[in-house]
Each structure stands twice: as structure tokens, then as C-alpha cells.
Amino acid sequence: MKWKMSDRSLFATLLRSPWWMSFVLVGAISLASSALLPNEYKLMGTEATP
């Protein structure tokens, strides 16, 4: 069975875009999530808890 990727998906769009567009997208998502998350959860994953 041959799978065909949709031409309108985000992954297909990023494959056709310049490499720096994925970094812009990651930056926008990071800024939005840091603006919307409470302070207790902003550094989740970077802190080492025993």
C-alpha cells in the first residue's frame, strides 16, 4: 500500500519552505506557550527533580 502525504499538511508545507521557516515556527510556538502557561510550568522539563 502506497501512502501519499497531503499537499496541504504542515509537514508538507515545511518541506517545501526554506529551512529557517521551521525555526520561526518553533519560536512562535515557544513564545505563545510561554505567554499562556503559568509561571510554575514554564521551566518544566529543564529542572531536575529528585
PDB file of N, CA and C in Angstrom:
ATOM      1  N   MET A   1       0.846  -1.170   0.000  1.00  0.00           N
ATOM      2  CA  MET A   1       0.000   0.000   0.000  1.00  0.00           C
ATOM      3  C   MET A   1       0.895   1.238   0.000  1.00  0.00           C
ATOM      4  N   LYS A   2       0.665   2.128  -0.908  1.00  0.00           N
ATOM      5  CA  LYS A   2       1.469   3.347  -1.022  1.00  0.00           C
ATOM      6  C   LYS A   2       0.728   4.490  -0.333  1.00  0.00           C
ATOM      7  N   TRP A   3       1.421   5.144   0.580  1.00  0.00           N
ATOM      8  CA  TRP A   3       0.838   6.264   1.302  1.00  0.00           C
ATOM      9  C   TRP A   3       1.207   7.555   0.597  1.00  0.00           C
ATOM     10  N   LYS A   4       0.270   8.490   0.494  1.00  0.00           N
ATOM     11  CA  LYS A   4       0.524   9.783  -0.114  1.00  0.00           C
ATOM     12  C   LYS A   4       0.259  10.873   0.921  1.00  0.00           C
ATOM     13  N   MET A   5       1.248  11.734   1.090  1.00  0.00           N
ATOM     14  CA  MET A   5       1.101  12.829   2.039  1.00  0.00           C
ATOM     15  C   MET A   5       0.233  13.926   1.426  1.00  0.00           C
ATOM     16  N   SER A   6      -0.608  14.509   2.243  1.00  0.00           N
ATOM     17  CA  SER A   6      -1.439  15.604   1.779  1.00  0.00           C
ATOM     18  C   SER A   6      -0.562  16.815   1.458  1.00  0.00           C
ATOM     19  N   ASP A   7      -0.865  17.483   0.362  1.00  0.00           N
ATOM     20  CA  ASP A   7      -0.076  18.649  -0.031  1.00  0.00           C
ATOM     21  C   ASP A   7      -0.312  19.849   0.875  1.00  0.00           C
ATOM     22  N   ARG A   8      -1.402  19.834   1.632  1.00  0.00           N
ATOM     23  CA  ARG A   8      -1.752  20.969   2.467  1.00  0.00           C
ATOM     24  C   ARG A   8      -1.407  20.763   3.932  1.00  0.00           C
ATOM     25  N   SER A   9      -0.704  19.686   4.272  1.00  0.00           N
ATOM     26  CA  SER A   9      -0.357  19.444   5.669  1.00  0.00           C
ATOM     27  C   SER A   9       0.802  20.353   6.086  1.00  0.00           C
ATOM     28  N   LEU A  10       0.950  20.539   7.378  1.00  0.00           N
ATOM     29  CA  LEU A  10       2.020  21.389   7.893  1.00  0.00           C
ATOM     30  C   LEU A  10       3.384  20.813   7.556  1.00  0.00           C
ATOM     31  N   PHE A  11       3.531  19.499   7.667  1.00  0.00           N
ATOM     32  CA  PHE A  11       4.804  18.857   7.362  1.00  0.00           C
ATOM     33  C   PHE A  11       5.179  19.043   5.896  1.00  0.00           C
ATOM     34  N   ALA A  12       4.225  18.888   4.990  1.00  0.00           N
ATOM     35  CA  ALA A  12       4.498  19.070   3.562  1.00  0.00           C
ATOM     36  C   ALA A  12       4.844  20.521   3.254  1.00  0.00           C
ATOM     37  N   THR A  13       4.171  21.442   3.915  1.00  0.00           N
ATOM     38  CA  THR A  13       4.469  22.855   3.714  1.00  0.00           C
ATOM     39  C   THR A  13       5.869  23.190   4.191  1.00  0.00           C
ATOM     40  N   LEU A  14       6.267  22.650   5.353  1.00  0.00           N
ATOM     41  CA  LEU A  14       7.610  22.915   5.860  1.00  0.00           C
ATOM     42  C   LEU A  14       8.679  22.259   4.990  1.00  0.00           C
ATOM     43  N   LEU A  15       8.373  21.132   4.369  1.00  0.00           N
ATOM     44  CA  LEU A  15       9.337  20.509   3.467  1.00  0.00           C
ATOM     45  C   LEU A  15       9.604  21.365   2.233  1.00  0.00           C
ATOM     46  N   ARG A  16       8.612  22.091   1.783  1.00  0.00           N
ATOM     47  CA  ARG A  16       8.780  22.951   0.617  1.00  0.00           C
ATOM     48  C   ARG A  16       9.339  24.320   0.975  1.00  0.00           C
ATOM     49  N   SER A  17       9.331  24.690   2.243  1.00  0.00           N
ATOM     50  CA  SER A  17       9.771  26.010   2.688  1.00  0.00           C
ATOM     51  C   SER A  17      11.275  26.031   2.932  1.00  0.00           C
ATOM     52  N   PRO A  18      11.851  27.227   3.031  1.00  0.00           N
ATOM     53  CA  PRO A  18      13.266  27.315   3.417  1.00  0.00           C
ATOM     54  C   PRO A  18      13.476  26.762   4.822  1.00  0.00           C
ATOM     55  N   TRP A  19      14.708  26.353   5.120  1.00  0.00           N
ATOM     56  CA  TRP A  19      14.997  25.697   6.393  1.00  0.00           C
ATOM     57  C   TRP A  19      14.708  26.587   7.589  1.00  0.00           C
ATOM     58  N   TRP A  20      14.844  27.899   7.446  1.00  0.00           N
ATOM     59  CA  TRP A  20      14.689  28.783   8.590  1.00  0.00           C
ATOM     60  C   TRP A  20      13.225  28.983   8.976  1.00  0.00           C
ATOM     61  N   MET A  21      12.302  28.612   8.110  1.00  0.00           N
ATOM     62  CA  MET A  21      10.884  28.762   8.439  1.00  0.00           C
ATOM     63  C   MET A  21      10.472  27.840   9.582  1.00  0.00           C
ATOM     64  N   SER A  22      11.101  26.670   9.690  1.00  0.00           N
ATOM     65  CA  SER A  22      10.775  25.778  10.804  1.00  0.00           C
ATOM     66  C   SER A  22      11.255  26.372  12.122  1.00  0.00           C
ATOM     67  N   PHE A  23      12.381  27.088  12.115  1.00  0.00           N
ATOM     68  CA  PHE A  23      12.850  27.754  13.322  1.00  0.00           C
ATOM     69  C   PHE A  23      11.936  28.909  13.717  1.00  0.00           C
ATOM     70  N   VAL A  24      11.395  29.614  12.729  1.00  0.00           N
ATOM     71  CA  VAL A  24      10.433  30.681  13.011  1.00  0.00           C
ATOM     72  C   VAL A  24       9.176  30.102  13.644  1.00  0.00           C
ATOM     73  N   LEU A  25       8.724  28.969  13.129  1.00  0.00           N
ATOM     74  CA  LEU A  25       7.535  28.317  13.685  1.00  0.00           C
ATOM     75  C   LEU A  25       7.773  27.863  15.118  1.00  0.00           C
ATOM     76  N   VAL A  26       8.930  27.269  15.385  1.00  0.00           N
ATOM     77  CA  VAL A  26       9.262  26.834  16.748  1.00  0.00           C
ATOM     78  C   VAL A  26       9.342  28.040  17.686  1.00  0.00           C
ATOM     79  N   GLY A  27       9.919  29.127  17.217  1.00  0.00           N
ATOM     80  CA  GLY A  27       9.995  30.338  18.035  1.00  0.00           C
ATOM     81  C   GLY A  27       8.625  30.904  18.358  1.00  0.00           C
ATOM     82  N   ALA A  28       7.733  30.906  17.377  1.00  0.00           N
ATOM     83  CA  ALA A  28       6.377  31.415  17.607  1.00  0.00           C
ATOM     84  C   ALA A  28       5.617  30.537  18.589  1.00  0.00           C
ATOM     85  N   ILE A  29       5.754  29.228  18.457  1.00  0.00           N
ATOM     86  CA  ILE A  29       5.082  28.317  19.387  1.00  0.00           C
ATOM     87  C   ILE A  29       5.660  28.476  20.790  1.00  0.00           C
ATOM     88  N   SER A  30       6.972  28.646  20.896  1.00  0.00           N
ATOM     89  CA  SER A  30       7.604  28.819  22.205  1.00  0.00           C
ATOM     90  C   SER A  30       7.161  30.114  22.876  1.00  0.00           C
ATOM     91  N   LEU A  31       7.101  31.189  22.111  1.00  0.00           N
ATOM     92  CA  LEU A  31       6.652  32.458  22.683  1.00  0.00           C
ATOM     93  C   LEU A  31       5.194  32.396  23.124  1.00  0.00           C
ATOM     94  N   ALA A  32       4.363  31.786  22.316  1.00  0.00           N
ATOM     95  CA  ALA A  32       2.949  31.684  22.665  1.00  0.00           C
ATOM     96  C   ALA A  32       2.740  30.816  23.899  1.00  0.00           C
ATOM     97  N   SER A  33       3.459  29.707  23.981  1.00  0.00           N
ATOM     98  CA  SER A  33       3.276  28.835  25.139  1.00  0.00           C
ATOM     99  C   SER A  33       3.843  29.469  26.406  1.00  0.00           C
ATOM    100  N   SER A  34       4.946  30.200  26.298  1.00  0.00           N
ATOM    101  CA  SER A  34       5.479  30.848  27.499  1.00  0.00           C
ATOM    102  C   SER A  34       4.585  31.999  27.945  1.00  0.00           C
ATOM    103  N   ALA A  35       3.871  32.607  27.020  1.00  0.00           N
ATOM    104  CA  ALA A  35       2.963  33.683  27.390  1.00  0.00           C
ATOM    105  C   ALA A  35       1.679  33.139  28.026  1.00  0.00           C
ATOM    106  N   LEU A  36       1.271  31.938  27.640  1.00  0.00           N
ATOM    107  CA  LEU A  36      -0.003  31.407  28.112  1.00  0.00           C
ATOM    108  C   LEU A  36       0.119  30.484  29.322  1.00  0.00           C
ATOM    109  N   LEU A  37       1.292  29.908  29.545  1.00  0.00           N
ATOM    110  CA  LEU A  37       1.454  28.984  30.668  1.00  0.00           C
ATOM    111  C   LEU A  37       1.676  29.737  31.973  1.00  0.00           C
ATOM    112  N   PRO A  38       1.212  29.185  33.079  1.00  0.00           N
ATOM    113  CA  PRO A  38       1.515  29.786  34.376  1.00  0.00           C
ATOM    114  C   PRO A  38       3.012  29.659  34.674  1.00  0.00           C
ATOM    115  N   ASN A  39       3.498  30.504  35.582  1.00  0.00           N
ATOM    116  CA  ASN A  39       4.922  30.530  35.899  1.00  0.00           C
ATOM    117  C   ASN A  39       5.438  29.193  36.426  1.00  0.00           C
ATOM    118  N   GLU A  40       4.592  28.422  37.095  1.00  0.00           N
ATOM    119  CA  GLU A  40       5.035  27.146  37.658  1.00  0.00           C
ATOM    120  C   GLU A  40       5.419  26.145  36.574  1.00  0.00           C
ATOM    121  N   TYR A  41       4.875  26.270  35.374  1.00  0.00           N
ATOM    122  CA  TYR A  41       5.081  25.280  34.325  1.00  0.00           C
ATOM    123  C   TYR A  41       6.023  25.741  33.216  1.00  0.00           C
ATOM    124  N   LYS A  42       6.503  26.966  33.263  1.00  0.00           N
ATOM    125  CA  LYS A  42       7.329  27.491  32.178  1.00  0.00           C
ATOM    126  C   LYS A  42       8.646  26.752  32.028  1.00  0.00           C
ATOM    127  N   LEU A  43       9.252  26.351  33.119  1.00  0.00           N
ATOM    128  CA  LEU A  43      10.538  25.681  33.050  1.00  0.00           C
ATOM    129  C   LEU A  43      10.426  24.174  33.217  1.00  0.00           C
ATOM    130  N   MET A  44       9.238  23.645  33.009  1.00  0.00           N
ATOM    131  CA  MET A  44       9.030  22.207  33.145  1.00  0.00           C
ATOM    132  C   MET A  44       9.905  21.456  32.150  1.00  0.00           C
ATOM    133  N   GLY A  45      10.614  20.500  32.632  1.00  0.00           N
ATOM    134  CA  GLY A  45      11.496  19.736  31.767  1.00  0.00           C
ATOM    135  C   GLY A  45      12.942  20.174  31.862  1.00  0.00           C
ATOM    136  N   THR A  46      13.188  21.401  32.299  1.00  0.00           N
ATOM    137  CA  THR A  46      14.562  21.868  32.427  1.00  0.00           C
ATOM    138  C   THR A  46      15.076  21.690  33.846  1.00  0.00           C
ATOM    139  N   GLU A  47      14.157  21.556  34.796  1.00  0.00           N
ATOM    140  CA  GLU A  47      14.565  21.371  36.183  1.00  0.00           C
ATOM    141  C   GLU A  47      14.710  19.873  36.486  1.00  0.00           C
ATOM    142  N   ALA A  48      15.747  19.549  37.185  1.00  0.00           N
ATOM    143  CA  ALA A  48      15.941  18.155  37.601  1.00  0.00           C
ATOM    144  C   ALA A  48      15.337  17.990  38.995  1.00  0.00           C
ATOM    145  N   THR A  49      14.364  17.103  39.089  1.00  0.00           N
ATOM    146  CA  THR A  49      13.755  16.848  40.390  1.00  0.00           C
ATOM    147  C   THR A  49      14.186  15.484  40.897  1.00  0.00           C
ATOM    148  N   PRO A  50      14.548  15.387  42.171  1.00  0.00           N
ATOM    149  CA  PRO A  50      14.993  14.087  42.712  1.00  0.00           C
ATOM    150  C   PRO A  50      13.867  13.103  42.874  1.00  0.00           C
TER     151      PRO A  50
END
